[in-house]
């Protein structure tokens, strides 16, 4: 499981970019580097803690997650939902 820490975003451009890159379903598919930012965005939007799913350990029957992080184009490793 990923350690969840509160991230304070000081760069509003980075915050806006993640908002626009977020999947239309309210899920964030991100690399390890951006998982904390995705958690922070989820909490800001939904005022609740998200579930963090390790994509290496989880298979979906009806959905193929994106292979790249929406934020930086690195390999997607986590689903924040």
Protein backbone atom coordinates (compact mmCIF):
# COMPACT_ATOMS: atom_id res chain seq x y z
CA UNK A 1 0.00 0.00 0.00
CA UNK A 2 1.16 3.52 -0.72
CA UNK A 3 1.90 5.74 2.23
CA UNK A 4 -0.58 8.60 2.14
CA UNK A 5 0.77 12.02 3.04
CA UNK A 6 -0.87 15.41 2.74
CA UNK A 7 0.63 17.39 -0.10
CA UNK A 8 0.43 21.14 -0.25
CA UNK A 9 0.31 22.34 -3.83
CA UNK A 10 1.82 25.78 -4.23
CA UNK A 11 1.88 25.80 -8.01
CA UNK A 12 -1.65 26.56 -9.16
CA UNK A 13 -0.76 25.74 -12.76
CA UNK A 14 0.20 22.20 -11.69
CA UNK A 15 -3.06 21.91 -9.78
CA UNK A 16 -5.12 23.09 -12.78
CA UNK A 17 -3.29 20.75 -15.14
CA UNK A 18 -4.07 17.75 -12.96
CA UNK A 19 -7.72 18.84 -12.86
CA UNK A 20 -7.89 18.89 -16.64
CA UNK A 21 -6.02 15.60 -16.98
CA UNK A 22 -8.29 13.76 -14.57
CA UNK A 23 -10.36 11.00 -16.09
CA UNK A 24 -14.01 11.95 -16.66
CA UNK A 25 -15.07 9.27 -14.17
CA UNK A 26 -13.38 11.04 -11.24
CA UNK A 27 -10.42 8.67 -11.19
CA UNK A 28 -6.77 9.61 -11.31
CA UNK A 29 -4.40 7.18 -13.03
CA UNK A 30 -0.91 8.23 -12.03
CA UNK A 31 2.70 7.20 -11.59
CA UNK A 32 4.32 6.80 -8.19
CA UNK A 33 5.70 10.34 -8.35
CA UNK A 34 2.23 11.90 -8.73
CA UNK A 35 0.14 9.66 -6.44
CA UNK A 36 0.36 12.10 -3.52
CA UNK A 37 -0.82 14.97 -5.69
CA UNK A 38 -3.72 12.86 -6.99
CA UNK A 39 -4.71 11.96 -3.42
CA UNK A 40 -4.66 15.63 -2.47
CA UNK A 41 -6.80 16.55 -5.47
CA UNK A 42 -9.29 13.79 -4.68
CA UNK A 43 -9.60 14.96 -1.06
CA UNK A 44 -10.04 18.58 -2.17
CA UNK A 45 -12.79 17.62 -4.60
CA UNK A 46 -14.70 14.96 -2.64
CA UNK A 47 -13.76 15.83 0.97
CA UNK A 48 -13.14 12.15 1.63
CA UNK A 49 -10.16 9.82 1.56
CA UNK A 50 -9.74 7.94 -1.72
CA UNK A 51 -8.93 4.31 -2.33
CA UNK A 52 -5.50 3.81 -3.87
CA UNK A 53 -5.29 0.76 -6.12
CA UNK A 54 -1.95 -0.68 -7.22
CA UNK A 55 -2.39 -1.38 -10.93
CA UNK A 56 0.30 -4.06 -10.86
CA UNK A 57 -1.79 -6.15 -8.46
CA UNK A 58 -5.28 -5.51 -9.83
CA UNK A 59 -6.97 -6.67 -13.03
CA UNK A 60 -10.24 -5.26 -14.32
CA UNK A 61 -12.67 -7.34 -16.37
CA UNK A 62 -14.42 -4.50 -18.23
CA UNK A 63 -11.86 -1.70 -18.23
CA UNK A 64 -8.27 -1.26 -19.32
CA UNK A 65 -6.59 1.52 -17.35
CA UNK A 66 -4.41 3.98 -19.23
CA UNK A 67 -0.80 2.83 -19.46
CA UNK A 68 0.66 6.29 -18.83
CA UNK A 69 0.35 8.79 -16.02
CA UNK A 70 -1.94 11.61 -17.04
CA UNK A 71 0.36 14.12 -15.38
CA UNK A 72 3.76 13.24 -16.83
CA UNK A 73 3.44 10.38 -19.33
CA UNK A 74 5.45 7.95 -17.15
CA UNK A 75 4.11 4.43 -16.61
CA UNK A 76 0.81 4.48 -14.69
CA UNK A 77 1.12 2.57 -11.42
CA UNK A 78 -1.81 3.66 -9.28
CA UNK A 79 -5.50 4.36 -9.55
CA UNK A 80 -6.81 6.93 -7.08
CA UNK A 81 -10.58 6.69 -6.80
